[in-house]
Protein backbone atom coordinates (compact mmCIF):
# COMPACT_ATOMS: atom_id res chain seq x y z
CA UNK A 1 -20.31 2.92 8.62
CA UNK A 2 -19.27 6.94 8.17
CA UNK A 3 -16.21 6.06 5.95
CA UNK A 4 -14.50 8.12 3.41
CA UNK A 5 -11.78 6.74 1.00
CA UNK A 6 -9.79 9.76 -0.51
CA UNK A 7 -6.62 10.39 -2.14
CA UNK A 8 -3.82 10.56 0.74
CA UNK A 9 -2.28 14.43 1.30
CA UNK A 10 0.24 15.56 3.26
CA UNK A 11 -2.01 16.35 6.25
CA UNK A 12 -2.24 12.27 6.43
CA UNK A 13 1.63 11.56 6.79
CA UNK A 14 1.60 11.41 10.51
CA UNK A 15 -1.36 9.02 10.97
CA UNK A 16 -0.47 6.60 7.86
CA UNK A 17 3.20 6.69 9.65
CA UNK A 18 1.73 5.88 12.69
CA UNK A 19 -0.37 3.41 11.40
CA UNK A 20 2.03 1.76 9.45
CA UNK A 21 4.98 1.43 11.78
CA UNK A 22 3.04 -1.04 13.78
CA UNK A 23 2.85 -3.67 11.09
CA UNK A 24 5.16 -6.39 11.29
CA UNK A 25 4.34 -7.83 8.02
CA UNK A 26 5.84 -4.67 6.16
CA UNK A 27 9.32 -5.80 7.48
CA UNK A 28 10.16 -7.62 4.51
CA UNK A 29 13.34 -9.36 6.51
CA UNK A 30 12.86 -10.38 10.00
CA UNK A 31 15.72 -8.73 11.34
CA UNK A 32 15.43 -5.81 9.30
CA UNK A 33 15.54 -2.32 10.87
CA UNK A 34 13.61 -1.06 7.78
CA UNK A 35 9.92 -1.58 8.61
CA UNK A 36 7.84 1.34 7.01
CA UNK A 37 8.71 4.44 4.86
CA UNK A 38 10.04 7.28 6.84
CA UNK A 39 7.80 10.43 6.99
CA UNK A 40 9.63 12.38 4.29
CA UNK A 41 9.09 9.37 2.06
CA UNK A 42 5.56 9.45 2.57
CA UNK A 43 5.17 13.01 1.98
CA UNK A 44 6.79 12.32 -1.23
CA UNK A 45 4.25 9.80 -1.97
CA UNK A 46 1.60 11.79 -0.77
CA UNK A 47 2.32 14.62 -3.41
CA UNK A 48 3.42 12.25 -6.47
CA UNK A 49 2.34 8.91 -6.03
CA UNK A 50 -1.06 6.89 -5.93
CA UNK A 51 -2.19 6.73 -2.41
CA UNK A 52 -5.54 6.58 -0.73
CA UNK A 53 -6.39 6.39 2.71
CA UNK A 54 -9.72 5.05 4.77
CA UNK A 55 -10.56 7.59 7.11
CA UNK A 56 -13.64 7.66 9.49
CA UNK A 57 -14.31 10.77 11.87
CA UNK A 58 -11.03 12.03 11.00
CA UNK A 59 -9.12 9.10 12.09
CA UNK A 60 -7.06 6.81 9.22
CA UNK A 61 -8.39 3.52 9.35
CA UNK A 62 -6.62 2.00 6.17
CA UNK A 63 -4.25 3.16 3.42
CA UNK A 64 -3.10 2.04 0.30
CA UNK A 65 0.53 2.95 -1.35
CA UNK A 66 1.40 2.25 -4.48
CA UNK A 67 4.24 3.54 -6.96
CA UNK A 68 4.39 4.17 -10.69
CA UNK A 69 6.85 3.87 -12.80
CA UNK A 70 6.11 6.18 -16.02
CA UNK A 71 9.01 4.93 -17.85
CA UNK A 72 8.04 1.54 -17.64
CA UNK A 73 4.40 2.13 -17.26
CA UNK A 74 4.03 -0.01 -14.22
CA UNK A 75 1.89 0.46 -10.90
CA UNK A 76 3.71 -1.56 -7.77
CA UNK A 77 1.42 -2.02 -5.11
CA UNK A 78 3.88 -1.17 -1.98
CA UNK A 79 1.54 -1.59 1.14
CA UNK A 80 -2.13 -1.85 1.89
CA UNK A 81 -3.36 -2.02 5.76
CA UNK A 82 -7.17 -1.81 6.94
CA UNK A 83 -7.28 -2.10 10.89
CA UNK A 84 -8.67 -5.11 12.02
CA UNK A 85 -12.16 -3.91 13.03
CA UNK A 86 -12.64 -2.13 9.68
CA UNK A 87 -11.95 -5.22 7.58
CA UNK A 88 -14.39 -7.37 5.77
CA UNK A 89 -16.07 -3.80 4.60
CA UNK A 90 -14.62 -3.61 1.07
CA UNK A 91 -12.23 -1.18 2.06
CA UNK A 92 -9.21 -2.68 0.32
CA UNK A 93 -10.99 -3.18 -2.67
CA UNK A 94 -12.53 0.64 -2.98
CA UNK A 95 -8.96 1.57 -2.66
CA UNK A 96 -7.84 -0.45 -5.30
CA UNK A 97 -10.47 0.12 -7.64
CA UNK A 98 -9.36 3.67 -7.21
CA UNK A 99 -5.54 3.38 -7.47
CA UNK A 100 -5.97 1.13 -10.64
CA UNK A 101 -8.29 3.65 -12.10
CA UNK A 102 -5.50 6.38 -11.30
CA UNK A 103 -2.99 4.05 -12.59
CA UNK A 104 -4.48 3.35 -16.33
CA UNK A 105 -5.06 7.29 -16.48
CA UNK A 106 -1.83 7.82 -15.98
CA UNK A 107 -0.90 5.15 -18.66
CA UNK A 108 -0.17 2.29 -16.67
CA UNK A 109 0.01 -1.09 -18.47
CA UNK A 110 1.33 -3.38 -15.90
CA UNK A 111 0.17 -3.64 -12.18
CA UNK A 112 2.01 -5.95 -9.69
CA UNK A 113 2.76 -6.27 -5.65
CA UNK A 114 4.10 -8.54 -3.25
CA UNK A 115 2.45 -10.31 -0.54
CA UNK A 116 3.28 -12.88 2.14
CA UNK A 117 2.81 -16.78 0.77
CA UNK A 118 0.81 -17.33 3.96
CA UNK A 119 -1.44 -14.12 3.44
CA UNK A 120 -4.39 -15.95 2.07
CA UNK A 121 -6.94 -13.17 2.53
CA UNK A 122 -4.61 -10.80 0.21
CA UNK A 123 -4.19 -13.65 -1.74
CA UNK A 124 -8.25 -13.95 -2.49
CA UNK A 125 -8.53 -10.14 -2.85
CA UNK A 126 -6.19 -9.94 -5.58
CA UNK A 127 -7.31 -12.65 -7.04
CA UNK A 128 -10.87 -11.18 -7.36
CA UNK A 129 -9.06 -7.84 -8.89
CA UNK A 130 -7.53 -10.12 -11.75
CA UNK A 131 -4.05 -10.63 -10.63
CA UNK A 132 -2.37 -14.19 -11.26
CA UNK A 133 0.12 -15.74 -8.83
CA UNK A 134 3.65 -15.31 -10.44
CA UNK A 135 7.16 -16.72 -9.27
CA UNK A 136 8.20 -17.01 -5.87
CA UNK A 137 11.29 -15.46 -5.12
CA UNK A 138 13.25 -14.20 -1.61
CA UNK A 139 13.50 -10.47 -0.44
CA UNK A 140 17.01 -9.42 -0.35
CA UNK A 141 17.67 -6.01 1.19
CA UNK A 142 20.70 -3.71 2.00
CA UNK A 143 20.81 -0.62 3.44
CA UNK A 144 23.02 2.30 2.82
CA UNK A 145 21.88 4.36 5.62
CA UNK A 146 23.94 4.07 8.58
CA UNK A 147 22.03 3.37 11.90
């Protein structure tokens, strides 16, 4: 497989947005109008945050987005997606290793993220990466944007 995993750039925003906007799992509340990051947010993420893409023949086939809070030294795993036909090839693991290395280099001392309770594959991957299961919470939301 001729696959490249690299830092996300501004040139990747359109493809990442198109791919991520189709992922129902990124909708934290089923009736929510908020599904995935707007392009402007993805641009800011590409410039400042910890984000990686998996690319094959010029097409983004997966991505990892994480945010780092310097004041708390916490990396939050926001979104990760790999197109189904590319799963099982350690793309998620490779993206995560790079993200964790970058977080450590920035001074992170704590890594966290949320996954759906029924997402067994993500649980297994994160357990392999050294995560432990925390408390179960309910996601609450309030949009400050008018639609």
